């Protein structure tokens, strides 16, 4: 009898241009022009692939991140010059062979046909390594770029996202796998019996189809989701195959994991159909003292205006300047932006009794994700605990600054994880689905035939 394969961690390399810390670009070892430096990304992707990461993940927004206040713009509080991610990942797929590529694209300010076409194309170009991180935009700045004076309401955003996802998946099912004989002798390019017109008519979208891209190598690109609000968790349970999430404690992560996995059955899904990968921000030293010194070095680079603005944006685009920096975090009105992130920040401030200044310093690196400063063994201990006690299927690794932060994780933490049998030494397959252990979606016609 074949011995069941040991469950192992899934790892994403979450690549913000210069790194995840808000002051990363100022670090002496950081690539300050990273957002528009293609060679920088090529190097990172190839290092991550050599280390056998499952995927590279690119966050994105369709607007500058931060405020338009002149005094803030000079301090570079957000990334305002960076590549469009699908373009970038298409180029990176040509200089790699195995690693997956996941890009964020919003359902708020895109059309389903565009997204279906772009990610199906990326899946073909990469040979089956594409994933779409489905998000609902949370920034008012994005609304202003798309003819709107204000952002969609939170509930409307998720209602739109539900329908958006259904339309995209329907378009991905336009063609059966063998729909294109391309027979030069007979002159038959495609079999019309194997083309399926969507004809979607819903509340938010009217899309006829067909999609003008053949069925993707993975059937569908991997569907990723990042919301942790109540509507976000329900959307993830119904549609997502990977969830990126943010938690401060292993207890909170376990509760989220059990909650979302517990919703799968009502949609006819198994717990292994969804991988939950919290973000982790590791600062690594040979000793605890060295790790703390490295962390303090980058913390010292935070401009106070930057820290306050970052916190204000994450807390729901509120004005915190009228409150004393060294006073308590005030009660805040419910946001129309990211409700789950606002709650996480307020819970953290209340739990640890943090002032406004202490809170922005606390989240300047991980932005609400799990932050750990320590030795490789200590970081591996934490990852193992989350993995083995029902808090995570893997992690989205968030290097403090790049490229060195990624190098440190690869050189020091991965060997410790491998020593414990927690991470692969070789890729399991050639596609992102194979490496994540996800099944290939069957075409609806195959499902109907099997049922008859």
Protein backbone atom coordinates (compact mmCIF):
# COMPACT_ATOMS: atom_id res chain seq x y z
CA UNK A 1 0.00 0.00 0.00
CA UNK A 2 1.28 3.47 -0.93
CA UNK A 3 2.07 5.56 2.10
CA UNK A 4 0.05 8.81 2.18
CA UNK A 5 2.21 11.81 1.40
CA UNK A 6 2.97 14.02 4.37
CA UNK A 7 1.12 17.34 4.35
CA UNK A 8 3.51 20.22 3.73
CA UNK A 9 3.38 24.00 3.81
CA UNK A 10 2.37 26.07 0.79
CA UNK A 11 4.39 29.27 0.45
CA UNK A 12 3.87 32.44 -1.52
CA UNK A 13 6.47 35.17 -2.04
CA UNK A 14 4.46 38.37 -1.54
CA UNK A 15 6.52 40.96 -3.41
CA UNK A 16 5.82 44.59 -2.65
CA UNK A 17 8.30 46.58 -4.76
CA UNK A 18 10.87 47.54 -2.11
CA UNK A 19 9.49 45.32 0.66
CA UNK A 20 6.57 45.38 3.07
CA UNK A 21 7.80 47.75 5.72
CA UNK A 22 6.42 51.25 5.19
CA UNK A 23 9.98 52.64 5.26
CA UNK A 24 11.51 49.82 3.20
CA UNK A 25 12.56 52.04 0.32
CA UNK A 26 14.80 54.04 2.67
CA UNK A 27 16.75 51.00 3.89
CA UNK A 28 20.39 50.98 2.70
CA UNK A 29 19.99 47.48 1.20
CA UNK A 30 16.66 48.17 -0.56
CA UNK A 31 16.21 48.66 -4.30
CA UNK A 32 14.64 52.11 -4.15
CA UNK A 33 13.45 52.14 -7.78
CA UNK A 34 12.05 48.61 -7.51
CA UNK A 35 8.53 49.45 -8.69
CA UNK A 36 9.76 50.20 -12.20
CA UNK A 37 12.85 47.98 -12.29
CA UNK A 38 12.15 44.80 -14.26
CA UNK A 39 15.56 43.25 -13.56
CA UNK A 40 14.77 43.53 -9.83
CA UNK A 41 11.64 41.41 -10.26
CA UNK A 42 13.37 38.89 -12.50
CA UNK A 43 15.95 38.28 -9.78
CA UNK A 44 13.32 37.89 -7.06
CA UNK A 45 11.16 35.51 -9.11
CA UNK A 46 14.12 33.33 -9.98
CA UNK A 47 15.30 33.21 -6.35
CA UNK A 48 11.78 32.26 -5.22
CA UNK A 49 11.56 29.57 -7.88
CA UNK A 50 14.95 28.09 -7.01
CA UNK A 51 13.71 27.93 -3.41
CA UNK A 52 10.56 26.05 -4.60
CA UNK A 53 7.99 28.63 -3.51
CA UNK A 54 4.54 27.82 -4.81
CA UNK A 55 3.87 31.28 -6.16
CA UNK A 56 4.77 34.92 -6.49
CA UNK A 57 1.98 37.24 -5.40
CA UNK A 58 1.46 40.82 -6.56
CA UNK A 59 -0.95 43.14 -4.79
CA UNK A 60 -2.41 46.02 -6.78
CA UNK A 61 -4.78 48.95 -6.80
CA UNK A 62 -6.01 51.10 -9.66
CA UNK A 63 -5.00 54.36 -8.04
CA UNK A 64 -2.12 55.77 -6.02
CA UNK A 65 -2.02 54.50 -2.45
CA UNK A 66 -2.12 57.25 0.09
CA UNK A 67 -3.35 60.81 0.18
CA UNK A 68 -2.89 63.73 -2.17
CA UNK A 69 -1.55 66.03 0.55
CA UNK A 70 1.61 67.72 -0.71
CA UNK A 71 3.45 67.36 2.58
CA UNK A 72 2.91 63.62 2.46
CA UNK A 73 3.71 63.02 -1.18
CA UNK A 74 7.36 63.97 -0.70
CA UNK A 75 7.79 61.32 1.99
CA UNK A 76 6.65 58.53 -0.35
CA UNK A 77 4.16 57.04 2.05
CA UNK A 78 2.90 54.63 -0.58
CA UNK A 79 4.01 53.11 -3.83
CA UNK A 80 3.00 55.51 -6.56
CA UNK A 81 5.16 54.18 -9.40
CA UNK A 82 4.92 50.46 -10.06
CA UNK A 83 4.15 48.05 -12.88
CA UNK A 84 0.67 46.81 -13.74
CA UNK A 85 0.86 43.25 -12.36
CA UNK A 86 -0.53 41.12 -15.20
CA UNK A 87 1.89 42.74 -17.64
CA UNK A 88 4.74 42.17 -15.21
CA UNK A 89 3.84 38.56 -14.44
CA UNK A 90 3.45 37.71 -18.13
CA UNK A 91 7.02 38.88 -18.66
CA UNK A 92 8.28 37.00 -15.58
CA UNK A 93 6.65 33.79 -16.78
CA UNK A 94 9.03 33.82 -19.74
CA UNK A 95 12.11 33.68 -17.50
CA UNK A 96 10.80 30.98 -15.11
CA UNK A 97 9.45 27.45 -15.47
CA UNK A 98 7.63 26.24 -12.35
CA UNK A 99 6.63 29.00 -9.97
CA UNK A 100 3.04 30.26 -10.03
CA UNK A 101 2.00 33.87 -10.57
CA UNK A 102 -0.96 35.44 -8.76
CA UNK A 103 -2.06 39.00 -9.48
CA UNK A 104 -4.70 41.16 -7.86
CA UNK A 105 -7.49 42.54 -10.02
CA UNK A 106 -10.49 44.32 -8.57
CA UNK A 107 -14.10 43.44 -9.29
CA UNK A 108 -15.05 47.03 -8.50
CA UNK A 109 -13.29 48.74 -11.39
CA UNK A 110 -12.94 46.09 -14.06
CA UNK A 111 -15.30 44.22 -16.35
CA UNK A 112 -15.59 40.41 -16.17
CA UNK A 113 -14.72 39.90 -19.82
CA UNK A 114 -11.45 41.79 -19.44
CA UNK A 115 -10.43 39.79 -16.37
CA UNK A 116 -11.42 36.43 -17.88
CA UNK A 117 -9.42 37.17 -21.01
CA UNK A 118 -6.31 38.51 -19.26
CA UNK A 119 -5.93 35.67 -16.76
CA UNK A 120 -6.73 32.96 -19.33
CA UNK A 121 -4.01 34.51 -21.50
CA UNK A 122 -1.55 34.56 -18.58
CA UNK A 123 -2.33 30.91 -17.91
CA UNK A 124 -1.51 30.03 -21.53
CA UNK A 125 1.64 32.17 -21.63
CA UNK A 126 2.93 30.66 -18.37
CA UNK A 127 1.96 27.05 -19.18
CA UNK A 128 -0.64 26.79 -16.43
CA UNK A 129 0.80 28.91 -13.63
CA UNK A 130 -1.71 31.76 -13.29
CA UNK A 131 -3.94 32.79 -10.41
CA UNK A 132 -6.39 35.67 -9.97
CA UNK A 133 -6.62 37.36 -6.59
CA UNK A 134 -10.22 38.56 -6.55
CA UNK A 135 -10.66 41.67 -4.43
CA UNK A 136 -13.21 44.40 -4.00
CA UNK A 137 -11.48 47.78 -4.04
CA UNK A 138 -11.37 49.55 -0.70
CA UNK A 139 -9.99 52.96 -1.68
CA UNK A 140 -11.88 56.12 -2.53
CA UNK A 141 -8.88 57.12 -4.66
CA UNK A 142 -9.72 54.31 -7.07
CA UNK A 143 -13.32 55.46 -7.43
CA UNK A 144 -12.16 58.89 -8.59
CA UNK A 145 -10.34 57.30 -11.54
CA UNK A 146 -13.48 55.61 -12.84
CA UNK A 147 -16.08 58.34 -13.05
CA UNK A 148 -17.37 57.99 -9.49
CA UNK A 149 -17.46 60.62 -6.77
CA UNK A 150 -17.57 58.00 -4.04
CA UNK A 151 -16.75 54.35 -3.60
CA UNK A 152 -19.29 51.53 -3.89
CA UNK A 153 -20.90 50.63 -0.56
CA UNK A 154 -19.36 47.58 1.13
CA UNK A 155 -22.41 45.34 0.66
CA UNK A 156 -22.77 46.35 -2.98
CA UNK A 157 -19.10 45.64 -3.62
CA UNK A 158 -19.46 42.06 -2.45
CA UNK A 159 -22.76 41.52 -4.25
CA UNK A 160 -21.07 42.74 -7.43
CA UNK A 161 -18.04 40.52 -6.72
CA UNK A 162 -20.23 37.40 -6.38
CA UNK A 163 -21.77 37.96 -9.79
CA UNK A 164 -18.44 39.03 -11.27
CA UNK A 165 -16.80 35.74 -10.23
CA UNK A 166 -19.66 33.72 -11.70
CA UNK A 167 -19.37 35.52 -15.03
CA UNK A 168 -15.59 35.07 -15.21
CA UNK A 169 -15.82 31.36 -14.45
CA UNK A 170 -18.60 31.01 -16.99
CA UNK A 171 -16.46 32.69 -19.65
CA UNK A 172 -13.56 30.38 -18.78
CA UNK A 173 -15.92 27.53 -19.66
CA UNK A 174 -16.61 28.90 -23.16
CA UNK A 175 -14.55 26.19 -24.82
CA UNK A 176 -14.12 22.50 -24.14
CA UNK A 177 -10.55 21.26 -24.03
CA UNK A 178 -10.60 19.71 -27.51
CA UNK A 179 -12.62 22.46 -29.20
CA UNK A 180 -9.83 23.46 -31.59
CA UNK A 181 -8.80 20.70 -34.06
CA UNK A 182 -7.19 23.29 -36.36
CA UNK A 183 -7.28 20.74 -39.18
CA UNK A 184 -5.63 22.33 -42.22
CA UNK A 185 -6.75 19.56 -44.59
CA UNK A 186 -10.46 19.80 -43.77
CA UNK A 187 -10.40 23.51 -43.12
CA UNK A 188 -12.03 23.06 -39.69
CA UNK A 189 -10.47 25.40 -37.15
CA UNK A 190 -12.85 24.81 -34.24
CA UNK A 191 -15.78 22.57 -33.43
CA UNK A 192 -18.90 24.75 -32.88
CA UNK A 193 -20.45 21.94 -30.81
CA UNK A 194 -17.75 22.53 -28.24
CA UNK A 195 -18.29 26.25 -27.93
CA UNK A 196 -20.69 27.37 -25.19
CA UNK A 197 -22.18 30.87 -25.18
CA UNK A 198 -22.65 32.27 -21.67
CA UNK A 199 -25.57 34.69 -22.23
CA UNK A 200 -25.36 36.05 -18.70
CA UNK A 201 -27.96 38.61 -17.68
CA UNK A 202 -27.74 39.69 -14.05
CA UNK A 203 -28.16 42.67 -11.76
CA UNK A 204 -24.70 44.10 -12.37
CA UNK A 205 -23.53 42.54 -15.64
CA UNK A 206 -24.85 41.55 -19.05
CA UNK A 207 -22.29 39.42 -20.87
CA UNK A 208 -23.02 37.28 -23.91
CA UNK A 209 -19.62 35.75 -24.65
CA UNK A 210 -17.94 33.70 -26.05
CA UNK A 211 -14.47 34.30 -24.62
CA UNK A 212 -11.93 34.70 -27.42
CA UNK A 213 -9.24 32.67 -25.63
CA UNK A 214 -9.09 28.85 -25.65
CA UNK A 215 -9.69 26.91 -22.44
CA UNK A 216 -6.84 27.58 -20.00
CA UNK A 217 -4.20 24.89 -19.36
CA UNK A 218 -5.43 24.62 -15.74
CA UNK A 219 -9.08 24.59 -16.81
CA UNK A 220 -9.46 27.77 -14.79
CA UNK A 221 -6.63 29.91 -13.41
CA UNK A 222 -6.48 29.43 -9.64
CA UNK A 223 -9.03 31.67 -7.92
CA UNK A 224 -7.62 33.51 -4.89
CA UNK A 225 -9.49 35.77 -2.48
CA UNK A 226 -8.33 38.11 0.26
CA UNK A 227 -11.34 39.50 2.12
CA UNK A 228 -11.95 38.49 5.74
CA UNK A 229 -15.22 40.30 6.46
CA UNK A 230 -18.42 38.27 6.76
CA UNK A 231 -19.30 38.73 3.06
CA UNK A 232 -15.66 38.05 2.20
CA UNK A 233 -15.63 34.74 4.06
CA UNK A 234 -18.84 33.65 2.36
CA UNK A 235 -17.47 34.58 -1.06
CA UNK A 236 -14.29 32.65 -0.30
CA UNK A 237 -16.20 29.55 0.77
CA UNK A 238 -18.23 29.58 -2.44
CA UNK A 239 -15.59 30.52 -5.00
CA UNK A 240 -11.99 30.69 -3.71
CA UNK A 241 -9.28 28.03 -3.92
CA UNK A 242 -6.70 30.02 -1.94
CA UNK A 243 -7.37 32.64 0.74
CA UNK A 244 -4.82 35.25 1.77
CA UNK A 245 -5.69 36.63 5.20
CA UNK A 246 -4.25 38.66 8.09
CA UNK A 247 -4.20 37.62 11.75
CA UNK A 248 -2.24 38.76 14.78
CA UNK A 249 -2.57 35.63 16.91
CA UNK A 250 -2.69 31.91 16.30
CA UNK A 251 -6.00 31.76 18.17
CA UNK A 252 -7.61 34.26 15.78
CA UNK A 253 -6.13 32.40 12.82
CA UNK A 254 -7.55 29.08 14.05
CA UNK A 255 -11.00 30.61 14.46
CA UNK A 256 -10.90 32.05 10.94
CA UNK A 257 -9.61 28.77 9.48
CA UNK A 258 -12.36 26.73 11.14
CA UNK A 259 -15.02 29.28 10.17
CA UNK A 260 -14.17 29.41 6.46
CA UNK A 261 -13.45 25.69 6.09
CA UNK A 262 -16.71 24.98 7.91
CA UNK A 263 -18.67 26.84 5.24
CA UNK A 264 -17.38 24.73 2.35
CA UNK A 265 -19.73 21.76 2.72
CA UNK A 266 -22.86 23.76 1.94
CA UNK A 267 -21.34 24.54 -1.46
CA UNK A 268 -20.46 20.90 -2.09
CA UNK A 269 -16.79 21.47 -1.46
CA UNK A 270 -14.18 19.55 0.53
CA UNK A 271 -11.82 21.16 3.05
CA UNK A 272 -8.84 20.40 0.79
CA UNK A 273 -10.43 22.42 -2.04
CA UNK A 274 -9.34 25.60 -0.26
CA UNK A 275 -5.87 26.57 1.00
CA UNK A 276 -5.68 29.27 3.69
CA UNK A 277 -2.39 31.20 3.67
CA UNK A 278 -2.03 34.02 6.23
CA UNK A 279 0.59 36.70 5.71
CA UNK A 280 3.78 36.48 7.77
CA UNK A 281 6.35 39.28 8.14
CA UNK A 282 9.65 37.73 9.33
CA UNK A 283 12.67 39.70 10.53
CA UNK A 284 15.49 37.17 10.78
CA UNK A 285 18.71 37.23 12.80
CA UNK A 286 21.27 34.67 13.86
CA UNK A 287 20.31 35.62 17.43
CA UNK A 288 17.25 37.32 18.91
CA UNK A 289 19.39 40.36 19.63
CA UNK A 290 20.51 40.60 16.01
CA UNK A 291 16.93 40.23 14.77
CA UNK A 292 15.70 42.96 17.11
CA UNK A 293 18.52 45.26 16.02
CA UNK A 294 17.63 44.72 12.35
CA UNK A 295 14.01 45.46 13.10
CA UNK A 296 14.84 48.61 15.04
CA UNK A 297 17.06 49.80 12.20
CA UNK A 298 14.15 49.85 9.76
CA UNK A 299 11.68 51.14 12.36
CA UNK A 300 13.93 54.15 12.90
CA UNK A 301 13.41 55.08 9.23
CA UNK A 302 9.67 55.72 9.64
CA UNK A 303 8.70 59.34 9.09
CA UNK A 304 5.99 60.22 11.68
CA UNK A 305 3.75 61.71 9.00
CA UNK A 306 4.06 58.48 7.03
CA UNK A 307 3.19 56.30 10.01
CA UNK A 308 0.12 58.34 10.88
CA UNK A 309 -1.10 58.46 7.29
CA UNK A 310 -0.63 54.72 6.84
CA UNK A 311 -2.63 54.02 9.99
CA UNK A 312 -5.36 56.48 9.00
CA UNK A 313 -5.75 54.82 5.60
CA UNK A 314 -5.84 51.28 7.00
CA UNK A 315 -8.28 52.28 9.72
CA UNK A 316 -10.82 53.45 7.16
CA UNK A 317 -9.56 56.71 5.65
CA UNK A 318 -10.15 58.63 8.87
CA UNK A 319 -8.48 61.85 10.03
CA UNK A 320 -6.31 61.00 13.03
CA UNK A 321 -4.32 64.24 12.98
CA UNK A 322 -6.70 65.91 15.46
CA UNK A 323 -5.87 63.33 18.15
CA UNK A 324 -2.66 63.32 20.24
CA UNK A 325 -0.09 60.89 18.85
CA UNK A 326 0.69 59.59 22.31
CA UNK A 327 -2.94 59.31 23.33
CA UNK A 328 -5.23 56.30 23.02
CA UNK A 329 -6.63 55.15 19.69
CA UNK A 330 -10.14 56.67 19.52
CA UNK A 331 -13.35 54.88 18.68
CA UNK A 332 -13.78 55.12 14.93
CA UNK A 333 -16.86 55.26 12.71
CA UNK A 334 -17.56 52.11 10.70
CA UNK A 335 -15.62 52.27 7.46
CA UNK A 336 -16.76 51.72 3.89
CA UNK A 337 -13.24 50.53 3.09
CA UNK A 338 -11.77 47.33 4.57
CA UNK A 339 -13.99 46.45 7.52
CA UNK A 340 -11.97 43.39 8.54
CA UNK A 341 -8.68 45.34 8.61
CA UNK A 342 -10.21 48.17 10.64
CA UNK A 343 -11.50 45.66 13.20
CA UNK A 344 -8.11 43.92 13.36
CA UNK A 345 -6.35 47.22 14.10
CA UNK A 346 -8.83 48.34 16.74
CA UNK A 347 -8.76 44.92 18.42
CA UNK A 348 -4.94 45.07 18.48
CA UNK A 349 -4.91 48.56 19.99
CA UNK A 350 -7.42 47.62 22.70
CA UNK A 351 -5.77 44.28 23.49
CA UNK A 352 -2.29 45.78 23.94
CA UNK A 353 -3.32 49.24 25.19
CA UNK A 354 -1.51 51.00 22.33
CA UNK A 355 -1.39 54.72 21.64
CA UNK A 356 -1.78 56.03 18.10
CA UNK A 357 2.01 56.26 17.71
CA UNK A 358 2.56 52.79 19.15
CA UNK A 359 -0.09 51.34 16.85
CA UNK A 360 1.42 52.76 13.67
CA UNK A 361 4.84 51.58 14.78
CA UNK A 362 3.37 48.16 15.52
CA UNK A 363 1.88 47.75 12.03
CA UNK A 364 4.47 49.64 9.95
CA UNK A 365 5.94 46.40 8.69
CA UNK A 366 3.24 43.80 8.46
CA UNK A 367 0.22 46.16 8.13
CA UNK A 368 -1.87 43.92 10.36
CA UNK A 369 -0.37 40.59 9.29
CA UNK A 370 1.54 38.31 11.67
CA UNK A 371 4.91 39.83 12.54
CA UNK A 372 7.73 37.82 14.07
CA UNK A 373 11.24 38.99 14.91
CA UNK A 374 13.64 36.22 15.81
CA UNK A 375 15.97 33.42 14.82
CA UNK A 376 15.27 30.96 11.97
CA UNK A 377 14.31 28.31 14.52
CA UNK A 378 11.88 30.64 16.29
CA UNK A 379 10.24 31.63 13.01
CA UNK A 380 10.00 27.98 11.94
CA UNK A 381 8.50 27.12 15.36
CA UNK A 382 5.75 29.68 14.86
CA UNK A 383 5.01 28.57 11.31
CA UNK A 384 4.91 24.93 12.41
CA UNK A 385 2.50 25.73 15.25
CA UNK A 386 0.11 27.58 12.93
CA UNK A 387 0.36 24.81 10.33
CA UNK A 388 -0.09 21.83 12.64
CA UNK A 389 -2.82 23.24 14.90
CA UNK A 390 -5.39 24.24 12.29
CA UNK A 391 -4.51 27.88 11.69
CA UNK A 392 -2.95 27.74 8.21
CA UNK A 393 -2.22 25.58 5.17
CA UNK A 394 0.77 27.76 4.39
CA UNK A 395 1.90 31.37 4.40
CA UNK A 396 2.30 34.38 2.18
CA UNK A 397 5.82 35.50 3.12
CA UNK A 398 6.20 39.29 3.34
CA UNK A 399 9.91 40.31 3.35
CA UNK A 400 10.58 43.55 5.27
CA UNK A 401 12.76 44.98 2.49
CA UNK A 402 13.86 43.61 -0.84
CA UNK A 403 15.83 41.87 -2.11
CA UNK A 404 17.70 40.99 1.10
CA UNK A 405 14.59 40.10 3.12
CA UNK A 406 13.74 37.34 0.64
CA UNK A 407 17.33 36.10 0.57
CA UNK A 408 17.33 35.85 4.38
CA UNK A 409 14.17 33.73 4.42
CA UNK A 410 15.44 31.42 1.68
CA UNK A 411 18.90 30.99 3.19
CA UNK A 412 17.97 30.65 6.85
CA UNK A 413 14.32 29.71 7.44
CA UNK A 414 13.66 27.31 4.54
CA UNK A 415 16.48 24.90 5.54
CA UNK A 416 14.95 24.72 9.02
CA UNK A 417 11.49 24.01 7.60
CA UNK A 418 12.92 21.32 5.32
CA UNK A 419 14.82 19.73 8.21
CA UNK A 420 11.43 19.29 9.89
CA UNK A 421 9.86 17.87 6.73
CA UNK A 422 7.51 20.84 6.44
CA UNK A 423 8.45 22.10 2.97
CA UNK A 424 9.23 20.52 -0.38
CA UNK A 425 12.62 19.99 -1.96
CA UNK A 426 11.19 19.69 -5.49
CA UNK A 427 8.02 20.82 -7.23
CA UNK A 428 5.26 18.23 -7.47
CA UNK A 429 4.21 19.30 -10.96
CA UNK A 430 4.38 21.95 -13.65
CA UNK A 431 1.20 23.88 -12.95
CA UNK A 432 0.18 26.03 -10.01
CA UNK A 433 -2.75 23.69 -9.31
CA UNK A 434 -0.50 20.65 -9.17
CA UNK A 435 1.90 22.29 -6.74
CA UNK A 436 -0.88 23.60 -4.51
CA UNK A 437 -2.64 20.23 -4.54
CA UNK A 438 -5.79 21.59 -6.19
CA UNK A 439 -7.92 19.66 -8.66
CA UNK A 440 -8.56 20.83 -12.23
CA UNK A 441 -12.12 22.15 -12.65
CA UNK A 442 -14.11 19.92 -14.97
CA UNK A 443 -15.97 21.53 -17.84
CA UNK A 444 -19.76 21.62 -17.18
CA UNK A 445 -20.35 19.29 -20.14
CA UNK A 446 -18.15 16.64 -18.52
CA UNK A 447 -20.11 16.98 -15.30
CA UNK A 448 -23.43 16.57 -17.15
CA UNK A 449 -22.21 13.52 -19.07
CA UNK A 450 -20.95 11.90 -15.87
CA UNK A 451 -24.32 12.46 -14.22
CA UNK A 452 -26.32 10.85 -17.05
